[in-house]
Amino acid sequence: MTASSIVTLFVLTAMAEGGQSTAYTTKADMDTCKASIPPVTEILTNGGVEIITIDCVMTKQAITQFKHRPPKDAPRTAYLNQIVGGELTLVEQKSEAACKDEHPEKIKGEIRQYCATSKQSLQH
Protein backbone atom coordinates (compact mmCIF):
# COMPACT_ATOMS: atom_id res chain seq x y z
CA MET A 1 0.00 0.00 0.00
CA THR A 2 1.19 3.48 -0.73
CA ALA A 3 0.63 6.40 1.62
CA SER A 4 -1.38 8.49 -0.83
CA SER A 5 -4.00 7.74 -3.44
CA ILE A 6 -3.05 7.18 -7.07
CA VAL A 7 -5.29 8.32 -9.94
CA THR A 8 -6.04 5.25 -12.05
CA LEU A 9 -7.93 4.63 -15.27
CA PHE A 10 -10.04 1.52 -14.57
CA VAL A 11 -11.16 -0.42 -17.65
CA LEU A 12 -13.41 -3.49 -17.40
CA THR A 13 -14.05 -5.39 -20.62
CA ALA A 14 -15.67 -8.65 -21.75
CA MET A 15 -13.20 -11.24 -22.99
CA ALA A 16 -14.03 -12.98 -26.29
CA GLU A 17 -13.48 -16.40 -24.71
CA GLY A 18 -15.72 -15.54 -21.75
CA GLY A 19 -15.14 -13.81 -18.47
CA GLN A 20 -14.15 -10.24 -17.74
CA SER A 21 -10.78 -8.50 -17.92
CA THR A 22 -9.49 -5.43 -16.11
CA ALA A 23 -6.72 -3.00 -16.94
CA TYR A 24 -5.38 -0.28 -14.68
CA THR A 25 -3.38 2.71 -15.91
CA THR A 26 -1.85 5.27 -13.57
CA LYS A 27 -2.48 8.88 -14.56
CA ALA A 28 -0.89 12.15 -13.40
CA ASP A 29 -4.16 13.64 -12.17
CA MET A 30 -7.93 13.29 -12.47
CA ASP A 31 -8.22 15.73 -15.42
CA THR A 32 -5.62 13.78 -17.42
CA CYS A 33 -7.42 10.55 -16.56
CA LYS A 34 -10.83 11.84 -17.64
CA ALA A 35 -9.34 13.19 -20.89
CA SER A 36 -7.99 9.70 -21.67
CA ILE A 37 -11.42 8.03 -21.54
CA PRO A 38 -12.68 9.06 -25.04
CA PRO A 39 -9.55 7.97 -26.97
CA VAL A 40 -9.24 4.70 -25.01
CA THR A 41 -12.94 4.01 -25.58
CA GLU A 42 -12.52 4.66 -29.32
CA ILE A 43 -9.47 2.38 -29.61
CA LEU A 44 -11.17 -0.48 -27.77
CA THR A 45 -14.49 -0.09 -29.58
CA ASN A 46 -12.78 0.08 -32.98
CA GLY A 47 -10.89 -3.08 -32.02
CA GLY A 48 -14.15 -4.91 -31.34
CA VAL A 49 -13.71 -4.95 -27.55
CA GLU A 50 -16.88 -4.78 -25.46
CA ILE A 51 -16.41 -2.21 -22.68
CA ILE A 52 -18.40 -2.96 -19.54
CA THR A 53 -17.20 0.11 -17.67
CA ILE A 54 -14.42 2.67 -17.93
CA ASP A 55 -13.81 5.23 -15.20
CA CYS A 56 -11.25 7.23 -13.29
CA VAL A 57 -10.78 6.08 -9.71
CA MET A 58 -8.36 6.54 -6.85
CA THR A 59 -6.43 3.67 -5.25
CA LYS A 60 -3.91 3.33 -2.45
CA GLN A 61 -2.60 0.06 -3.92
CA ALA A 62 0.40 -0.11 -6.23
CA ILE A 63 -0.43 -2.04 -9.40
CA THR A 64 2.11 -3.13 -12.00
CA GLN A 65 2.33 -0.96 -15.10
CA PHE A 66 -0.15 -1.60 -17.92
CA LYS A 67 1.55 -3.13 -20.98
CA HIS A 68 0.12 -2.92 -24.48
CA ARG A 69 0.04 -6.34 -26.15
CA PRO A 70 1.37 -8.51 -23.32
CA PRO A 71 2.19 -12.11 -24.27
CA LYS A 72 -0.98 -14.13 -24.88
CA ASP A 73 0.20 -16.73 -22.36
CA ALA A 74 0.98 -14.15 -19.64
CA PRO A 75 -0.58 -15.31 -16.37
CA ARG A 76 -3.91 -13.80 -15.33
CA THR A 77 -4.81 -13.08 -11.71
CA ALA A 78 -8.41 -12.94 -10.51
CA TYR A 79 -9.42 -9.91 -8.46
CA LEU A 80 -12.44 -8.63 -6.65
CA ASN A 81 -12.53 -4.98 -7.75
CA GLN A 82 -14.40 -2.92 -5.17
CA ILE A 83 -15.03 0.76 -5.87
CA VAL A 84 -16.54 2.64 -2.96
CA GLY A 85 -16.96 6.40 -3.28
CA GLY A 86 -14.45 6.48 -6.16
CA GLU A 87 -11.76 4.50 -4.25
CA LEU A 88 -10.64 1.20 -5.84
CA THR A 89 -9.52 -1.74 -3.74
CA LEU A 90 -8.28 -4.98 -5.30
CA VAL A 91 -8.53 -8.27 -3.42
CA GLU A 92 -6.82 -11.27 -5.02
CA GLN A 93 -9.11 -14.28 -5.55
CA LYS A 94 -8.61 -17.99 -6.31
CA SER A 95 -10.41 -17.63 -9.65
CA GLU A 96 -12.91 -15.39 -11.41
CA ALA A 97 -15.63 -18.05 -10.99
CA ALA A 98 -14.95 -18.42 -7.25
CA CYS A 99 -14.96 -14.64 -6.89
CA LYS A 100 -18.34 -14.37 -8.65
CA ASP A 101 -19.79 -17.13 -6.45
CA GLU A 102 -18.71 -15.35 -3.28
CA HIS A 103 -19.03 -11.73 -4.44
CA PRO A 104 -21.80 -11.23 -7.03
CA GLU A 105 -21.48 -8.15 -9.24
CA LYS A 106 -23.00 -5.18 -7.47
CA ILE A 107 -23.73 -1.63 -8.56
CA LYS A 108 -25.57 0.31 -5.87
CA GLY A 109 -25.12 4.01 -5.21
CA GLU A 110 -21.46 4.72 -4.42
CA ILE A 111 -20.58 1.00 -4.39
CA ARG A 112 -19.50 -0.97 -7.45
CA GLN A 113 -18.10 -4.49 -7.28
CA TYR A 114 -16.74 -6.60 -10.15
CA CYS A 115 -14.88 -9.92 -10.40
CA ALA A 116 -12.42 -10.11 -13.28
CA THR A 117 -8.95 -11.25 -14.25
CA SER A 118 -5.96 -9.12 -15.18
CA LYS A 119 -2.47 -9.59 -16.56
CA GLN A 120 -1.39 -6.89 -14.11
CA SER A 121 -0.67 -7.62 -10.47
CA LEU A 122 -0.45 -5.92 -7.12
CA GLN A 123 3.01 -4.77 -6.09
CA HIS A 124 3.68 -5.94 -2.56
C-alpha atoms as a PDB file:
ATOM      1  CA  MET A   1       0.000   0.000   0.000  1.00  0.00           C
ATOM      2  CA  THR A   2       1.194   3.478  -0.733  1.00  0.00           C
ATOM      3  CA  ALA A   3       0.629   6.401   1.620  1.00  0.00           C
ATOM      4  CA  SER A   4      -1.382   8.490  -0.826  1.00  0.00           C
ATOM      5  CA  SER A   5      -3.999   7.740  -3.444  1.00  0.00           C
ATOM      6  CA  ILE A   6      -3.052   7.184  -7.068  1.00  0.00           C
ATOM      7  CA  VAL A   7      -5.293   8.321  -9.941  1.00  0.00           C
ATOM      8  CA  THR A   8      -6.036   5.253 -12.047  1.00  0.00           C
ATOM      9  CA  LEU A   9      -7.933   4.630 -15.269  1.00  0.00           C
ATOM     10  CA  PHE A  10     -10.041   1.515 -14.568  1.00  0.00           C
ATOM     11  CA  VAL A  11     -11.157  -0.424 -17.650  1.00  0.00           C
ATOM     12  CA  LEU A  12     -13.412  -3.485 -17.398  1.00  0.00           C
ATOM     13  CA  THR A  13     -14.047  -5.394 -20.621  1.00  0.00           C
ATOM     14  CA  ALA A  14     -15.672  -8.648 -21.751  1.00  0.00           C
ATOM     15  CA  MET A  15     -13.202 -11.241 -22.994  1.00  0.00           C
ATOM     16  CA  ALA A  16     -14.026 -12.981 -26.288  1.00  0.00           C
ATOM     17  CA  GLU A  17     -13.478 -16.403 -24.713  1.00  0.00           C
ATOM     18  CA  GLY A  18     -15.716 -15.537 -21.751  1.00  0.00           C
ATOM     19  CA  GLY A  19     -15.136 -13.810 -18.467  1.00  0.00           C
ATOM     20  CA  GLN A  20     -14.150 -10.244 -17.744  1.00  0.00           C
ATOM     21  CA  SER A  21     -10.782  -8.497 -17.915  1.00  0.00           C
ATOM     22  CA  THR A  22      -9.492  -5.435 -16.105  1.00  0.00           C
ATOM     23  CA  ALA A  23      -6.719  -2.996 -16.942  1.00  0.00           C
ATOM     24  CA  TYR A  24      -5.382  -0.279 -14.678  1.00  0.00           C
ATOM     25  CA  THR A  25      -3.381   2.707 -15.913  1.00  0.00           C
ATOM     26  CA  THR A  26      -1.849   5.270 -13.574  1.00  0.00           C
ATOM     27  CA  LYS A  27      -2.483   8.884 -14.561  1.00  0.00           C
ATOM     28  CA  ALA A  28      -0.892  12.152 -13.404  1.00  0.00           C
ATOM     29  CA  ASP A  29      -4.164  13.644 -12.166  1.00  0.00           C
ATOM     30  CA  MET A  30      -7.934  13.291 -12.470  1.00  0.00           C
ATOM     31  CA  ASP A  31      -8.218  15.734 -15.421  1.00  0.00           C
ATOM     32  CA  THR A  32      -5.616  13.777 -17.417  1.00  0.00           C
ATOM     33  CA  CYS A  33      -7.415  10.552 -16.563  1.00  0.00           C
ATOM     34  CA  LYS A  34     -10.827  11.842 -17.639  1.00  0.00           C
ATOM     35  CA  ALA A  35      -9.338  13.192 -20.886  1.00  0.00           C
ATOM     36  CA  SER A  36      -7.986   9.703 -21.670  1.00  0.00           C
ATOM     37  CA  ILE A  37     -11.416   8.035 -21.539  1.00  0.00           C
ATOM     38  CA  PRO A  38     -12.682   9.063 -25.039  1.00  0.00           C
ATOM     39  CA  PRO A  39      -9.551   7.972 -26.971  1.00  0.00           C
ATOM     40  CA  VAL A  40      -9.239   4.697 -25.011  1.00  0.00           C
ATOM     41  CA  THR A  41     -12.937   4.014 -25.584  1.00  0.00           C
ATOM     42  CA  GLU A  42     -12.525   4.657 -29.319  1.00  0.00           C
ATOM     43  CA  ILE A  43      -9.468   2.378 -29.606  1.00  0.00           C
ATOM     44  CA  LEU A  44     -11.171  -0.479 -27.767  1.00  0.00           C
ATOM     45  CA  THR A  45     -14.494  -0.091 -29.575  1.00  0.00           C
ATOM     46  CA  ASN A  46     -12.782   0.075 -32.982  1.00  0.00           C
ATOM     47  CA  GLY A  47     -10.894  -3.080 -32.018  1.00  0.00           C
ATOM     48  CA  GLY A  48     -14.145  -4.909 -31.336  1.00  0.00           C
ATOM     49  CA  VAL A  49     -13.708  -4.946 -27.552  1.00  0.00           C
ATOM     50  CA  GLU A  50     -16.876  -4.779 -25.457  1.00  0.00           C
ATOM     51  CA  ILE A  51     -16.413  -2.214 -22.681  1.00  0.00           C
ATOM     52  CA  ILE A  52     -18.402  -2.959 -19.539  1.00  0.00           C
ATOM     53  CA  THR A  53     -17.200   0.111 -17.670  1.00  0.00           C
ATOM     54  CA  ILE A  54     -14.419   2.669 -17.934  1.00  0.00           C
ATOM     55  CA  ASP A  55     -13.814   5.229 -15.203  1.00  0.00           C
ATOM     56  CA  CYS A  56     -11.246   7.234 -13.290  1.00  0.00           C
ATOM     57  CA  VAL A  57     -10.783   6.081  -9.712  1.00  0.00           C
ATOM     58  CA  MET A  58      -8.357   6.536  -6.853  1.00  0.00           C
ATOM     59  CA  THR A  59      -6.426   3.671  -5.251  1.00  0.00           C
ATOM     60  CA  LYS A  60      -3.905   3.327  -2.455  1.00  0.00           C
ATOM     61  CA  GLN A  61      -2.604   0.064  -3.918  1.00  0.00           C
ATOM     62  CA  ALA A  62       0.400  -0.107  -6.230  1.00  0.00           C
ATOM     63  CA  ILE A  63      -0.435  -2.042  -9.405  1.00  0.00           C
ATOM     64  CA  THR A  64       2.111  -3.134 -12.002  1.00  0.00           C
ATOM     65  CA  GLN A  65       2.331  -0.958 -15.099  1.00  0.00           C
ATOM     66  CA  PHE A  66      -0.146  -1.596 -17.917  1.00  0.00           C
ATOM     67  CA  LYS A  67       1.549  -3.133 -20.976  1.00  0.00           C
ATOM     68  CA  HIS A  68       0.124  -2.921 -24.479  1.00  0.00           C
ATOM     69  CA  ARG A  69       0.044  -6.337 -26.155  1.00  0.00           C
ATOM     70  CA  PRO A  70       1.366  -8.509 -23.316  1.00  0.00           C
ATOM     71  CA  PRO A  71       2.187 -12.106 -24.267  1.00  0.00           C
ATOM     72  CA  LYS A  72      -0.981 -14.128 -24.879  1.00  0.00           C
ATOM     73  CA  ASP A  73       0.199 -16.726 -22.359  1.00  0.00           C
ATOM     74  CA  ALA A  74       0.980 -14.152 -19.638  1.00  0.00           C
ATOM     75  CA  PRO A  75      -0.583 -15.308 -16.366  1.00  0.00           C
ATOM     76  CA  ARG A  76      -3.906 -13.805 -15.326  1.00  0.00           C
ATOM     77  CA  THR A  77      -4.810 -13.075 -11.710  1.00  0.00           C
ATOM     78  CA  ALA A  78      -8.408 -12.940 -10.508  1.00  0.00           C
ATOM     79  CA  TYR A  79      -9.424  -9.906  -8.457  1.00  0.00           C
ATOM     80  CA  LEU A  80     -12.440  -8.628  -6.647  1.00  0.00           C
ATOM     81  CA  ASN A  81     -12.529  -4.976  -7.749  1.00  0.00           C
ATOM     82  CA  GLN A  82     -14.396  -2.917  -5.166  1.00  0.00           C
ATOM     83  CA  ILE A  83     -15.031   0.761  -5.870  1.00  0.00           C
ATOM     84  CA  VAL A  84     -16.543   2.640  -2.957  1.00  0.00           C
ATOM     85  CA  GLY A  85     -16.959   6.403  -3.280  1.00  0.00           C
ATOM     86  CA  GLY A  86     -14.453   6.481  -6.156  1.00  0.00           C
ATOM     87  CA  GLU A  87     -11.763   4.500  -4.249  1.00  0.00           C
ATOM     88  CA  LEU A  88     -10.644   1.204  -5.842  1.00  0.00           C
ATOM     89  CA  THR A  89      -9.517  -1.741  -3.737  1.00  0.00           C
ATOM     90  CA  LEU A  90      -8.281  -4.982  -5.296  1.00  0.00           C
ATOM     91  CA  VAL A  91      -8.529  -8.274  -3.423  1.00  0.00           C
ATOM     92  CA  GLU A  92      -6.817 -11.272  -5.024  1.00  0.00           C
ATOM     93  CA  GLN A  93      -9.111 -14.279  -5.551  1.00  0.00           C
ATOM     94  CA  LYS A  94      -8.605 -17.985  -6.311  1.00  0.00           C
ATOM     95  CA  SER A  95     -10.406 -17.627  -9.646  1.00  0.00           C
ATOM     96  CA  GLU A  96     -12.906 -15.389 -11.411  1.00  0.00           C
ATOM     97  CA  ALA A  97     -15.632 -18.047 -10.986  1.00  0.00           C
ATOM     98  CA  ALA A  98     -14.947 -18.425  -7.246  1.00  0.00           C
ATOM     99  CA  CYS A  99     -14.965 -14.643  -6.894  1.00  0.00           C
ATOM    100  CA  LYS A 100     -18.342 -14.367  -8.654  1.00  0.00           C
ATOM    101  CA  ASP A 101     -19.790 -17.125  -6.449  1.00  0.00           C
ATOM    102  CA  GLU A 102     -18.710 -15.345  -3.281  1.00  0.00           C
ATOM    103  CA  HIS A 103     -19.032 -11.726  -4.444  1.00  0.00           C
ATOM    104  CA  PRO A 104     -21.799 -11.230  -7.031  1.00  0.00           C
ATOM    105  CA  GLU A 105     -21.478  -8.153  -9.235  1.00  0.00           C
ATOM    106  CA  LYS A 106     -23.003  -5.176  -7.473  1.00  0.00           C
ATOM    107  CA  ILE A 107     -23.735  -1.625  -8.557  1.00  0.00           C
ATOM    108  CA  LYS A 108     -25.568   0.307  -5.869  1.00  0.00           C
ATOM    109  CA  GLY A 109     -25.122   4.011  -5.207  1.00  0.00           C
ATOM    110  CA  GLU A 110     -21.462   4.720  -4.423  1.00  0.00           C
ATOM    111  CA  ILE A 111     -20.578   0.995  -4.389  1.00  0.00           C
ATOM    112  CA  ARG A 112     -19.501  -0.974  -7.452  1.00  0.00           C
ATOM    113  CA  GLN A 113     -18.105  -4.486  -7.282  1.00  0.00           C
ATOM    114  CA  TYR A 114     -16.743  -6.604 -10.150  1.00  0.00           C
ATOM    115  CA  CYS A 115     -14.881  -9.915 -10.404  1.00  0.00           C
ATOM    116  CA  ALA A 116     -12.415 -10.110 -13.281  1.00  0.00           C
ATOM    117  CA  THR A 117      -8.945 -11.254 -14.250  1.00  0.00           C
ATOM    118  CA  SER A 118      -5.956  -9.119 -15.181  1.00  0.00           C
ATOM    119  CA  LYS A 119      -2.466  -9.590 -16.558  1.00  0.00           C
ATOM    120  CA  GLN A 120      -1.389  -6.888 -14.106  1.00  0.00           C
ATOM    121  CA  SER A 121      -0.670  -7.620 -10.468  1.00  0.00           C
ATOM    122  CA  LEU A 122      -0.449  -5.920  -7.122  1.00  0.00           C
ATOM    123  CA  GLN A 123       3.006  -4.767  -6.094  1.00  0.00           C
ATOM    124  CA  HIS A 124       3.675  -5.940  -2.557  1.00  0.00           C
END
